[in-house]
Each structure stands twice: as structure tokens, then as C-alpha cells.
PDB file of N, CA and C in Angstrom:
ATOM      1  N   MET A   1     113.150 105.209 118.447  1.00  0.00           N
ATOM      2  CA  MET A   1     113.267 103.774 118.257  1.00  0.00           C
ATOM      3  C   MET A   1     113.861 103.523 116.874  1.00  0.00           C
ATOM      4  N   HIS A   2     114.934 102.763 116.823  1.00  0.00           N
ATOM      5  CA  HIS A   2     115.608 102.440 115.567  1.00  0.00           C
ATOM      6  C   HIS A   2     115.117 101.085 115.069  1.00  0.00           C
ATOM      7  N   MET A   3     114.708 101.062 113.813  1.00  0.00           N
ATOM      8  CA  MET A   3     114.246  99.809 113.222  1.00  0.00           C
ATOM      9  C   MET A   3     115.395  99.149 112.469  1.00  0.00           C
ATOM     10  N   ASN A   4     115.506  97.848 112.611  1.00  0.00           N
ATOM     11  CA  ASN A   4     116.512  97.098 111.880  1.00  0.00           C
ATOM     12  C   ASN A   4     115.860  96.507 110.637  1.00  0.00           C
ATOM     13  N   TYR A   5     116.144  97.106 109.478  1.00  0.00           N
ATOM     14  CA  TYR A   5     115.549  96.652 108.231  1.00  0.00           C
ATOM     15  C   TYR A   5     116.385  95.556 107.564  1.00  0.00           C
ATOM     16  N   ASN A   6     117.407  95.074 108.256  1.00  0.00           N
ATOM     17  CA  ASN A   6     118.256  94.039 107.679  1.00  0.00           C
ATOM     18  C   ASN A   6     117.702  92.639 107.912  1.00  0.00           C
ATOM     19  N   ILE A   7     116.760  92.508 108.821  1.00  0.00           N
ATOM     20  CA  ILE A   7     116.133  91.215 109.069  1.00  0.00           C
ATOM     21  C   ILE A   7     114.936  91.116 108.133  1.00  0.00           C
ATOM     22  N   HIS A   8     114.863  90.046 107.364  1.00  0.00           N
ATOM     23  CA  HIS A   8     113.803  89.895 106.372  1.00  0.00           C
ATOM     24  C   HIS A   8     112.845  88.781 106.783  1.00  0.00           C
ATOM     25  N   VAL A   9     111.593  88.989 106.454  1.00  0.00           N
ATOM     26  CA  VAL A   9     110.561  87.989 106.690  1.00  0.00           C
ATOM     27  C   VAL A   9     109.899  87.690 105.361  1.00  0.00           C
ATOM     28  N   ARG A  10     109.865  86.437 104.999  1.00  0.00           N
ATOM     29  CA  ARG A  10     109.195  86.035 103.765  1.00  0.00           C
ATOM     30  C   ARG A  10     107.756  85.706 104.120  1.00  0.00           C
ATOM     31  N   THR A  11     106.819  86.319 103.384  1.00  0.00           N
ATOM     32  CA  THR A  11     105.412  86.113 103.683  1.00  0.00           C
ATOM     33  C   THR A  11     104.593  86.158 102.399  1.00  0.00           C
ATOM     34  N   THR A  12     103.395  85.702 102.481  1.00  0.00           N
ATOM     35  CA  THR A  12     102.470  85.767 101.357  1.00  0.00           C
ATOM     36  C   THR A  12     101.412  86.807 101.695  1.00  0.00           C
ATOM     37  N   LEU A  13     101.192  87.729 100.791  1.00  0.00           N
ATOM     38  CA  LEU A  13     100.205  88.778 100.986  1.00  0.00           C
ATOM     39  C   LEU A  13      99.125  88.661  99.924  1.00  0.00           C
ATOM     40  N   ASP A  14      97.903  88.871 100.310  1.00  0.00           N
ATOM     41  CA  ASP A  14      96.785  88.859  99.378  1.00  0.00           C
ATOM     42  C   ASP A  14      96.459  90.308  99.025  1.00  0.00           C
ATOM     43  N   ILE A  15      97.116  90.815  97.978  1.00  0.00           N
ATOM     44  CA  ILE A  15      96.978  92.208  97.563  1.00  0.00           C
ATOM     45  C   ILE A  15      96.370  92.242  96.171  1.00  0.00           C
ATOM     46  N   PRO A  16      95.334  93.053  95.963  1.00  0.00           N
ATOM     47  CA  PRO A  16      94.748  93.149  94.629  1.00  0.00           C
ATOM     48  C   PRO A  16      95.789  93.585  93.594  1.00  0.00           C
ATOM     49  N   VAL A  17      95.797  92.907  92.458  1.00  0.00           N
ATOM     50  CA  VAL A  17      96.765  93.203  91.393  1.00  0.00           C
ATOM     51  C   VAL A  17      96.677  94.661  90.971  1.00  0.00           C
ATOM     52  N   SER A  18      95.466  95.191  90.878  1.00  0.00           N
ATOM     53  CA  SER A  18      95.306  96.587  90.444  1.00  0.00           C
ATOM     54  C   SER A  18      95.990  97.553  91.411  1.00  0.00           C
ATOM     55  N   LEU A  19      95.958  97.234  92.696  1.00  0.00           N
ATOM     56  CA  LEU A  19      96.599  98.086  93.701  1.00  0.00           C
ATOM     57  C   LEU A  19      98.117  98.040  93.555  1.00  0.00           C
ATOM     58  N   ILE A  20      98.659  96.851  93.374  1.00  0.00           N
ATOM     59  CA  ILE A  20     100.109  96.707  93.168  1.00  0.00           C
ATOM     60  C   ILE A  20     100.544  97.413  91.892  1.00  0.00           C
ATOM     61  N   GLU A  21      99.796  97.233  90.815  1.00  0.00           N
ATOM     62  CA  GLU A  21     100.154  97.871  89.541  1.00  0.00           C
ATOM     63  C   GLU A  21     100.117  99.392  89.651  1.00  0.00           C
ATOM     64  N   GLU A  22      99.111  99.925  90.346  1.00  0.00           N
ATOM     65  CA  GLU A  22      99.042 101.381  90.522  1.00  0.00           C
ATOM     66  C   GLU A  22     100.222 101.883  91.351  1.00  0.00           C
ATOM     67  N   ALA A  23     100.546 101.173  92.424  1.00  0.00           N
ATOM     68  CA  ALA A  23     101.690 101.555  93.257  1.00  0.00           C
ATOM     69  C   ALA A  23     102.985 101.477  92.458  1.00  0.00           C
ATOM     70  N   ARG A  24     103.136 100.433  91.671  1.00  0.00           N
ATOM     71  CA  ARG A  24     104.344 100.306  90.829  1.00  0.00           C
ATOM     72  C   ARG A  24     104.453 101.471  89.868  1.00  0.00           C
ATOM     73  N   GLY A  25     103.334 101.850  89.263  1.00  0.00           N
ATOM     74  CA  GLY A  25     103.346 102.982  88.335  1.00  0.00           C
ATOM     75  C   GLY A  25     103.710 104.288  89.018  1.00  0.00           C
ATOM     76  N   LEU A  26     103.178 104.509  90.213  1.00  0.00           N
ATOM     77  CA  LEU A  26     103.454 105.746  90.944  1.00  0.00           C
ATOM     78  C   LEU A  26     104.884 105.790  91.464  1.00  0.00           C
ATOM     79  N   LEU A  27     105.366 104.649  91.953  1.00  0.00           N
ATOM     80  CA  LEU A  27     106.697 104.606  92.555  1.00  0.00           C
ATOM     81  C   LEU A  27     107.802 104.415  91.538  1.00  0.00           C
ATOM     82  N   GLY A  28     107.452 103.857  90.393  1.00  0.00           N
ATOM     83  CA  GLY A  28     108.461 103.621  89.367  1.00  0.00           C
ATOM     84  C   GLY A  28     109.312 102.390  89.613  1.00  0.00           C
ATOM     85  N   TYR A  29     108.870 101.509  90.484  1.00  0.00           N
ATOM     86  CA  TYR A  29     109.613 100.288  90.789  1.00  0.00           C
ATOM     87  C   TYR A  29     108.878  99.072  90.247  1.00  0.00           C
ATOM     88  N   LYS A  30     109.633  98.112  89.761  1.00  0.00           N
ATOM     89  CA  LYS A  30     109.028  96.840  89.378  1.00  0.00           C
ATOM     90  C   LYS A  30     109.082  95.862  90.543  1.00  0.00           C
ATOM     91  N   SER A  31     110.071  96.028  91.397  1.00  0.00           N
ATOM     92  CA  SER A  31     110.175  95.203  92.596  1.00  0.00           C
ATOM     93  C   SER A  31     110.323  96.144  93.789  1.00  0.00           C
ATOM     94  N   ARG A  32     110.251  95.601  94.971  1.00  0.00           N
ATOM     95  CA  ARG A  32     110.392  96.367  96.217  1.00  0.00           C
ATOM     96  C   ARG A  32     109.264  97.383  96.404  1.00  0.00           C
ATOM     97  N   THR A  33     108.175  97.225  95.660  1.00  0.00           N
ATOM     98  CA  THR A  33     107.045  98.153  95.757  1.00  0.00           C
ATOM     99  C   THR A  33     106.448  98.145  97.156  1.00  0.00           C
ATOM    100  N   VAL A  34     106.232  96.973  97.716  1.00  0.00           N
ATOM    101  CA  VAL A  34     105.612  96.871  99.036  1.00  0.00           C
ATOM    102  C   VAL A  34     106.534  97.473 100.097  1.00  0.00           C
ATOM    103  N   ILE A  35     107.825  97.196 100.018  1.00  0.00           N
ATOM    104  CA  ILE A  35     108.782  97.736 100.992  1.00  0.00           C
ATOM    105  C   ILE A  35     108.808  99.257 100.912  1.00  0.00           C
ATOM    106  N   THR A  36     108.858  99.794  99.695  1.00  0.00           N
ATOM    107  CA  THR A  36     108.877 101.243  99.518  1.00  0.00           C
ATOM    108  C   THR A  36     107.594 101.869 100.041  1.00  0.00           C
ATOM    109  N   ALA A  37     106.468 101.245  99.752  1.00  0.00           N
ATOM    110  CA  ALA A  37     105.185 101.771 100.219  1.00  0.00           C
ATOM    111  C   ALA A  37     105.096 101.744 101.741  1.00  0.00           C
ATOM    112  N   LEU A  38     105.587 100.667 102.364  1.00  0.00           N
ATOM    113  CA  LEU A  38     105.574 100.586 103.827  1.00  0.00           C
ATOM    114  C   LEU A  38     106.470 101.659 104.444  1.00  0.00           C
ATOM    115  N   ARG A  39     107.637 101.867 103.880  1.00  0.00           N
ATOM    116  CA  ARG A  39     108.536 102.913 104.397  1.00  0.00           C
ATOM    117  C   ARG A  39     107.884 104.285 104.284  1.00  0.00           C
ATOM    118  N   GLU A  40     107.206 104.532 103.169  1.00  0.00           N
ATOM    119  CA  GLU A  40     106.534 105.816 102.973  1.00  0.00           C
ATOM    120  C   GLU A  40     105.394 105.986 103.979  1.00  0.00           C
ATOM    121  N   MET A  41     104.653 104.931 104.228  1.00  0.00           N
ATOM    122  CA  MET A  41     103.572 104.991 105.202  1.00  0.00           C
ATOM    123  C   MET A  41     104.128 105.309 106.594  1.00  0.00           C
ATOM    124  N   ILE A  42     105.226 104.683 106.960  1.00  0.00           N
ATOM    125  CA  ILE A  42     105.871 104.938 108.249  1.00  0.00           C
ATOM    126  C   ILE A  42     106.357 106.381 108.323  1.00  0.00           C
ATOM    127  N   ARG A  43     106.982 106.857 107.244  1.00  0.00           N
ATOM    128  CA  ARG A  43     107.478 108.239 107.200  1.00  0.00           C
ATOM    129  C   ARG A  43     106.336 109.233 107.389  1.00  0.00           C
ATOM    130  N   LEU A  44     105.229 109.020 106.671  1.00  0.00           N
ATOM    131  CA  LEU A  44     104.083 109.918 106.778  1.00  0.00           C
ATOM    132  C   LEU A  44     103.479 109.885 108.179  1.00  0.00           C
ATOM    133  N   HIS A  45     103.426 108.712 108.782  1.00  0.00           N
ATOM    134  CA  HIS A  45     102.895 108.586 110.141  1.00  0.00           C
ATOM    135  C   HIS A  45     103.767 109.354 111.133  1.00  0.00           C
ATOM    136  N   LYS A  46     105.081 109.232 110.994  1.00  0.00           N
ATOM    137  CA  LYS A  46     105.996 109.941 111.892  1.00  0.00           C
ATOM    138  C   LYS A  46     105.865 111.451 111.720  1.00  0.00           C
ATOM    139  N   MET A  47     105.679 111.901 110.476  1.00  0.00           N
ATOM    140  CA  MET A  47     105.502 113.330 110.236  1.00  0.00           C
ATOM    141  C   MET A  47     104.220 113.826 110.894  1.00  0.00           C
ATOM    142  N   LYS A  48     103.167 113.030 110.815  1.00  0.00           N
ATOM    143  CA  LYS A  48     101.897 113.396 111.438  1.00  0.00           C
ATOM    144  C   LYS A  48     102.054 113.488 112.952  1.00  0.00           C
ATOM    145  N   GLU A  49     102.821 112.559 113.533  1.00  0.00           N
ATOM    146  CA  GLU A  49     103.080 112.608 114.969  1.00  0.00           C
ATOM    147  C   GLU A  49     103.835 113.882 115.346  1.00  0.00           C
ATOM    148  N   LEU A  50     104.804 114.277 114.532  1.00  0.00           N
ATOM    149  CA  LEU A  50     105.574 115.495 114.806  1.00  0.00           C
ATOM    150  C   LEU A  50     104.703 116.745 114.697  1.00  0.00           C
ATOM    151  N   GLU A  51     103.732 116.729 113.787  1.00  0.00           N
ATOM    152  CA  GLU A  51     102.849 117.884 113.609  1.00  0.00           C
ATOM    153  C   GLU A  51     102.064 118.191 114.879  1.00  0.00           C
ATOM    154  N   MET A  52     101.838 117.187 115.721  1.00  0.00           N
ATOM    155  CA  MET A  52     101.111 117.416 116.969  1.00  0.00           C
ATOM    156  C   MET A  52     101.871 118.377 117.884  1.00  0.00           C
ATOM    157  N   PHE A  53     103.185 118.465 117.717  1.00  0.00           N
ATOM    158  CA  PHE A  53     104.003 119.334 118.558  1.00  0.00           C
ATOM    159  C   PHE A  53     104.110 120.755 118.010  1.00  0.00           C
ATOM    160  N   HIS A  54     103.589 120.993 116.809  1.00  0.00           N
ATOM    161  CA  HIS A  54     103.693 122.315 116.178  1.00  0.00           C
ATOM    162  C   HIS A  54     103.109 123.390 117.104  1.00  0.00           C
ATOM    163  N   GLY A  55     103.936 124.364 117.433  1.00  0.00           N
ATOM    164  CA  GLY A  55     103.496 125.456 118.280  1.00  0.00           C
ATOM    165  C   GLY A  55     103.486 125.132 119.764  1.00  0.00           C
ATOM    166  N   GLN A  56     103.829 123.921 120.142  1.00  0.00           N
ATOM    167  CA  GLN A  56     103.789 123.535 121.546  1.00  0.00           C
ATOM    168  C   GLN A  56     105.175 123.468 122.182  1.00  0.00           C
ATOM    169  N   VAL A  57     106.198 123.481 121.363  1.00  0.00           N
ATOM    170  CA  VAL A  57     107.559 123.379 121.880  1.00  0.00           C
ATOM    171  C   VAL A  57     108.213 124.750 121.762  1.00  0.00           C
ATOM    172  N   ASP A  58     108.672 125.262 122.886  1.00  0.00           N
ATOM    173  CA  ASP A  58     109.332 126.562 122.910  1.00  0.00           C
ATOM    174  C   ASP A  58     110.838 126.333 122.913  1.00  0.00           C
ATOM    175  N   ILE A  59     111.450 126.632 121.800  1.00  0.00           N
ATOM    176  CA  ILE A  59     112.889 126.433 121.667  1.00  0.00           C
ATOM    177  C   ILE A  59     113.553 127.797 121.565  1.00  0.00           C
ATOM    178  N   GLU A  60     114.423 128.075 122.509  1.00  0.00           N
ATOM    179  CA  GLU A  60     115.155 129.333 122.469  1.00  0.00           C
ATOM    180  C   GLU A  60     116.563 129.042 121.981  1.00  0.00           C
ATOM    181  N   ILE A  61     116.839 129.475 120.777  1.00  0.00           N
ATOM    182  CA  ILE A  61     118.143 129.220 120.171  1.00  0.00           C
ATOM    183  C   ILE A  61     118.782 130.553 119.813  1.00  0.00           C
ATOM    184  N   ASP A  62     120.026 130.730 120.205  1.00  0.00           N
ATOM    185  CA  ASP A  62     120.789 131.907 119.808  1.00  0.00           C
ATOM    186  C   ASP A  62     121.476 131.556 118.493  1.00  0.00           C
ATOM    187  N   ILE A  63     120.833 131.941 117.393  1.00  0.00           N
ATOM    188  CA  ILE A  63     121.333 131.587 116.062  1.00  0.00           C
ATOM    189  C   ILE A  63     122.756 132.083 115.857  1.00  0.00           C
ATOM    190  N   ASP A  64     123.021 133.327 116.229  1.00  0.00           N
ATOM    191  CA  ASP A  64     124.364 133.881 116.039  1.00  0.00           C
ATOM    192  C   ASP A  64     125.416 133.084 116.810  1.00  0.00           C
ATOM    193  N   ALA A  65     125.106 132.726 118.055  1.00  0.00           N
ATOM    194  CA  ALA A  65     126.061 131.961 118.872  1.00  0.00           C
ATOM    195  C   ALA A  65     126.265 130.570 118.290  1.00  0.00           C
ATOM    196  N   SER A  66     125.216 129.989 117.762  1.00  0.00           N
ATOM    197  CA  SER A  66     125.353 128.632 117.223  1.00  0.00           C
ATOM    198  C   SER A  66     126.170 128.615 115.937  1.00  0.00           C
ATOM    199  N   ARG A  67     126.245 129.754 115.263  1.00  0.00           N
ATOM    200  CA  ARG A  67     127.013 129.826 114.007  1.00  0.00           C
ATOM    201  C   ARG A  67     128.477 130.165 114.244  1.00  0.00           C
ATOM    202  N   ARG A  68     128.796 130.694 115.423  1.00  0.00           N
ATOM    203  CA  ARG A  68     130.184 131.045 115.724  1.00  0.00           C
ATOM    204  C   ARG A  68     130.996 129.790 115.961  1.00  0.00           C
ATOM    205  N   ARG A  69     132.174 129.782 115.397  1.00  0.00           N
ATOM    206  CA  ARG A  69     133.064 128.635 115.597  1.00  0.00           C
ATOM    207  C   ARG A  69     134.010 128.944 116.765  1.00  0.00           C
ATOM    208  N   PRO A  70     134.286 127.927 117.545  1.00  0.00           N
ATOM    209  CA  PRO A  70     135.222 128.146 118.668  1.00  0.00           C
ATOM    210  C   PRO A  70     136.605 128.508 118.137  1.00  0.00           C
ATOM    211  N   LYS A  71     137.264 129.417 118.855  1.00  0.00           N
ATOM    212  CA  LYS A  71     138.629 129.804 118.466  1.00  0.00           C
ATOM    213  C   LYS A  71     139.581 128.701 118.841  1.00  0.00           C
ATOM    214  N   LYS A  72     140.531 128.436 117.956  1.00  0.00           N
ATOM    215  CA  LYS A  72     141.510 127.373 118.198  1.00  0.00           C
ATOM    216  C   LYS A  72     142.732 127.906 118.871  1.00  0.00           C
TER     217      LYS A  72
END
């Protein structure tokens, strides 16, 4: 599923100042802290979902064949 991050929603959030300040310090951003944090949360969630497949997917790949370039 592809997310369209070009559509913006203006909203008011009730976030503790200490939490925002800590996130700003960790991320190094003065603005876009919430957007960056949300993207990171999504990334971590997707990685966790992928970890469920660890050892369950049998992929047979011929590495040598995949590295060979077709003759022109």
C-alpha cells in the first residue's frame, strides 16, 4: 500500500512539551518533529511485520545466474 504524503491535514494535538522537546533533541529538528516521529513509527512497525516472516519464506535464488548479464 502506497501512502500519499502530499496531502496535508492541519490539526491540533495535545502533546506534553517535555515529550516534544525530547523528540526534538533526539531527532535534531526544530520543526517537522511529529512528522518525522510518525514516519519512524510506521517504519518500525513495518519492520516488525516483516520479522514475522523470518525463516518462513523459502527463496531459492541462483546467485551466479542472477549476476550474469545477458549477451548482446
